[in-house]
Structures are given as structure tokens and as C-alpha cells.
Amino acid sequence: MMTTSTELHTYQRGERKSKVFRSYEGFYVEFYVGGKLVERRALYEHSETYAENAAENFVDEVITLNEGK
């Protein structure tokens, strides 16, 4: 469980927003649509750059999610 984490980066385009965090386990990204958290993706085995790319790809709609539709 992620108990202590630090927010490192935020990306936003329109209704989509993503945040990159570092925890003791590694990096993870939260994806938001319209202010609602739709996914928290653990990228613990990857670098900060990888997490940043995932965050940016989400706001650029390269990564698409079900988003409860």
C-alpha cells in the first residue's frame, strides 16, 4: 500500500490530468478525467522518465482507458 509518496509532476490537457508520484515502492501515475481518479498505475519497475511518458501519453490521449463508460 502506498502510504508515503511525493508528487513529482503534473500534466493536464482539457479534461485529462495525470500526476507522477514516487513512493518507497517506486513510481506510479494517477490518471484523472474531469477531476475524477480513473486509474492508479504502478510503474515500480520503471524509471521516472517512463512514468513521465505514461503521464504525458494519457493527457495526449495516446493511452485510453475504459473510464467507466
N, C-alpha and C. Protein backbone atom coordinates (compact mmCIF):
# COMPACT_ATOMS: atom_id res chain seq x y z
N MET A 1 0.84 -1.18 0.00
CA MET A 1 0.00 0.00 0.00
C MET A 1 0.88 1.24 0.00
N MET A 2 0.50 2.23 -0.78
CA MET A 2 1.26 3.46 -0.87
C MET A 2 0.90 4.38 0.30
N THR A 3 1.77 4.44 1.28
CA THR A 3 1.46 5.26 2.45
C THR A 3 2.18 6.59 2.43
N THR A 4 3.41 6.61 1.96
CA THR A 4 4.17 7.84 1.88
C THR A 4 4.63 8.03 0.44
N SER A 5 4.24 9.13 -0.15
CA SER A 5 4.63 9.39 -1.53
C SER A 5 4.82 10.89 -1.74
N THR A 6 5.55 11.20 -2.80
CA THR A 6 5.83 12.58 -3.16
C THR A 6 5.35 12.81 -4.58
N GLU A 7 4.55 13.84 -4.78
CA GLU A 7 4.12 14.20 -6.13
C GLU A 7 5.27 14.91 -6.82
N LEU A 8 5.62 14.42 -8.01
CA LEU A 8 6.76 14.97 -8.75
C LEU A 8 6.35 15.85 -9.93
N HIS A 9 5.34 15.42 -10.67
CA HIS A 9 4.96 16.12 -11.91
C HIS A 9 3.46 16.04 -12.11
N THR A 10 2.91 17.06 -12.77
CA THR A 10 1.51 17.07 -13.16
C THR A 10 1.40 17.49 -14.62
N TYR A 11 0.55 16.79 -15.35
CA TYR A 11 0.30 17.10 -16.76
C TYR A 11 -1.20 17.28 -16.92
N GLN A 12 -1.61 18.24 -17.76
CA GLN A 12 -3.04 18.43 -17.98
C GLN A 12 -3.29 18.97 -19.37
N ARG A 13 -4.31 18.40 -20.01
CA ARG A 13 -4.81 18.89 -21.28
C ARG A 13 -6.32 18.68 -21.26
N GLY A 14 -7.04 19.77 -21.32
CA GLY A 14 -8.50 19.68 -21.29
C GLY A 14 -8.98 19.02 -20.00
N GLU A 15 -9.84 18.02 -20.15
CA GLU A 15 -10.41 17.30 -19.02
C GLU A 15 -9.47 16.26 -18.42
N ARG A 16 -8.38 15.96 -19.13
CA ARG A 16 -7.47 14.90 -18.69
C ARG A 16 -6.31 15.47 -17.89
N LYS A 17 -6.00 14.79 -16.80
CA LYS A 17 -4.90 15.21 -15.94
C LYS A 17 -4.19 13.95 -15.44
N SER A 18 -2.88 14.05 -15.28
CA SER A 18 -2.13 12.93 -14.71
C SER A 18 -1.08 13.48 -13.76
N LYS A 19 -0.79 12.68 -12.74
CA LYS A 19 0.19 13.06 -11.74
C LYS A 19 1.18 11.91 -11.55
N VAL A 20 2.46 12.25 -11.50
CA VAL A 20 3.52 11.27 -11.28
C VAL A 20 3.96 11.37 -9.82
N PHE A 21 4.05 10.22 -9.16
CA PHE A 21 4.45 10.15 -7.76
C PHE A 21 5.63 9.20 -7.59
N ARG A 22 6.40 9.44 -6.53
CA ARG A 22 7.43 8.49 -6.11
C ARG A 22 7.09 8.04 -4.69
N SER A 23 7.05 6.74 -4.49
CA SER A 23 6.83 6.17 -3.17
C SER A 23 8.03 5.28 -2.84
N TYR A 24 8.02 4.69 -1.67
CA TYR A 24 9.12 3.81 -1.31
C TYR A 24 9.17 2.59 -2.23
N GLU A 25 8.05 2.27 -2.89
CA GLU A 25 8.00 1.13 -3.82
C GLU A 25 8.53 1.48 -5.20
N GLY A 26 8.49 2.76 -5.55
CA GLY A 26 8.90 3.20 -6.89
C GLY A 26 7.93 4.26 -7.39
N PHE A 27 7.85 4.39 -8.70
CA PHE A 27 7.00 5.41 -9.31
C PHE A 27 5.61 4.86 -9.61
N TYR A 28 4.62 5.75 -9.55
CA TYR A 28 3.28 5.42 -10.02
C TYR A 28 2.63 6.68 -10.56
N VAL A 29 1.59 6.48 -11.38
CA VAL A 29 0.90 7.59 -12.03
C VAL A 29 -0.59 7.48 -11.75
N GLU A 30 -1.21 8.61 -11.45
CA GLU A 30 -2.65 8.68 -11.30
C GLU A 30 -3.23 9.39 -12.52
N PHE A 31 -4.28 8.80 -13.10
CA PHE A 31 -4.96 9.36 -14.26
C PHE A 31 -6.34 9.88 -13.83
N TYR A 32 -6.66 11.10 -14.23
CA TYR A 32 -7.93 11.74 -13.89
C TYR A 32 -8.64 12.19 -15.16
N VAL A 33 -9.96 12.09 -15.14
CA VAL A 33 -10.79 12.65 -16.20
C VAL A 33 -11.88 13.46 -15.52
N GLY A 34 -11.97 14.73 -15.86
CA GLY A 34 -12.98 15.60 -15.24
C GLY A 34 -12.84 15.68 -13.73
N GLY A 35 -11.63 15.60 -13.24
CA GLY A 35 -11.37 15.69 -11.81
C GLY A 35 -11.57 14.39 -11.04
N LYS A 36 -11.99 13.32 -11.73
CA LYS A 36 -12.24 12.03 -11.08
C LYS A 36 -11.08 11.08 -11.37
N LEU A 37 -10.54 10.46 -10.31
CA LEU A 37 -9.48 9.48 -10.47
C LEU A 37 -10.06 8.25 -11.17
N VAL A 38 -9.48 7.90 -12.34
CA VAL A 38 -9.98 6.76 -13.10
C VAL A 38 -9.01 5.57 -13.06
N GLU A 39 -7.74 5.83 -12.75
CA GLU A 39 -6.79 4.72 -12.62
C GLU A 39 -5.55 5.19 -11.88
N ARG A 40 -5.00 4.29 -11.08
CA ARG A 40 -3.68 4.48 -10.48
C ARG A 40 -2.82 3.35 -11.01
N ARG A 41 -1.78 3.71 -11.78
CA ARG A 41 -0.95 2.70 -12.44
C ARG A 41 0.42 2.62 -11.78
N ALA A 42 0.72 1.46 -11.22
CA ALA A 42 2.01 1.21 -10.58
C ALA A 42 3.06 0.93 -11.66
N LEU A 43 4.14 1.70 -11.62
CA LEU A 43 5.25 1.53 -12.57
C LEU A 43 6.54 1.33 -11.79
N TYR A 44 6.45 0.53 -10.75
CA TYR A 44 7.53 0.39 -9.77
C TYR A 44 8.84 -0.10 -10.38
N GLU A 45 8.77 -0.88 -11.41
CA GLU A 45 9.99 -1.44 -12.01
C GLU A 45 10.57 -0.53 -13.09
N HIS A 46 10.00 0.65 -13.25
CA HIS A 46 10.40 1.56 -14.33
C HIS A 46 11.00 2.85 -13.77
N SER A 47 11.59 3.62 -14.67
CA SER A 47 12.26 4.87 -14.31
C SER A 47 11.26 6.02 -14.20
N GLU A 48 11.75 7.13 -13.68
CA GLU A 48 10.94 8.34 -13.62
C GLU A 48 10.55 8.80 -15.02
N THR A 49 11.47 8.70 -15.95
CA THR A 49 11.18 9.10 -17.34
C THR A 49 10.05 8.26 -17.92
N TYR A 50 10.05 6.98 -17.65
CA TYR A 50 8.99 6.10 -18.12
C TYR A 50 7.65 6.55 -17.54
N ALA A 51 7.61 6.85 -16.25
CA ALA A 51 6.38 7.31 -15.60
C ALA A 51 5.92 8.65 -16.19
N GLU A 52 6.85 9.55 -16.45
CA GLU A 52 6.51 10.83 -17.08
C GLU A 52 5.92 10.61 -18.46
N ASN A 53 6.49 9.70 -19.22
CA ASN A 53 5.98 9.41 -20.57
C ASN A 53 4.57 8.84 -20.50
N ALA A 54 4.31 7.96 -19.55
CA ALA A 54 2.95 7.42 -19.38
C ALA A 54 1.96 8.53 -19.05
N ALA A 55 2.37 9.42 -18.15
CA ALA A 55 1.51 10.54 -17.75
C ALA A 55 1.20 11.44 -18.94
N GLU A 56 2.21 11.76 -19.71
CA GLU A 56 2.01 12.62 -20.88
C GLU A 56 1.19 11.92 -21.96
N ASN A 57 1.43 10.63 -22.16
CA ASN A 57 0.65 9.88 -23.15
C ASN A 57 -0.83 9.83 -22.79
N PHE A 58 -1.13 9.78 -21.50
CA PHE A 58 -2.53 9.79 -21.09
C PHE A 58 -3.20 11.11 -21.45
N VAL A 59 -2.60 12.23 -21.10
CA VAL A 59 -3.24 13.52 -21.39
C VAL A 59 -3.28 13.80 -22.89
N ASP A 60 -2.36 13.21 -23.64
CA ASP A 60 -2.36 13.37 -25.11
C ASP A 60 -3.25 12.34 -25.80
N GLU A 61 -3.95 11.52 -24.99
CA GLU A 61 -4.89 10.50 -25.46
C GLU A 61 -4.24 9.39 -26.27
N VAL A 62 -2.94 9.17 -26.06
CA VAL A 62 -2.27 8.00 -26.62
C VAL A 62 -2.69 6.78 -25.82
N ILE A 63 -2.78 6.94 -24.50
CA ILE A 63 -3.30 5.90 -23.61
C ILE A 63 -4.79 6.20 -23.41
N THR A 64 -5.62 5.22 -23.72
CA THR A 64 -7.06 5.37 -23.49
C THR A 64 -7.49 4.34 -22.45
N LEU A 65 -8.45 4.71 -21.64
CA LEU A 65 -8.97 3.85 -20.58
C LEU A 65 -10.46 3.68 -20.78
N ASN A 66 -11.02 2.69 -20.12
CA ASN A 66 -12.47 2.47 -20.18
C ASN A 66 -13.21 3.65 -19.57
N GLU A 67 -12.66 4.24 -18.48
CA GLU A 67 -13.21 5.43 -17.82
C GLU A 67 -14.66 5.27 -17.40
N GLY A 68 -15.06 4.03 -17.12
CA GLY A 68 -16.39 3.78 -16.59
C GLY A 68 -17.51 3.93 -17.60
N LYS A 69 -17.19 3.98 -18.87
CA LYS A 69 -18.22 4.16 -19.90
C LYS A 69 -18.79 2.84 -20.34
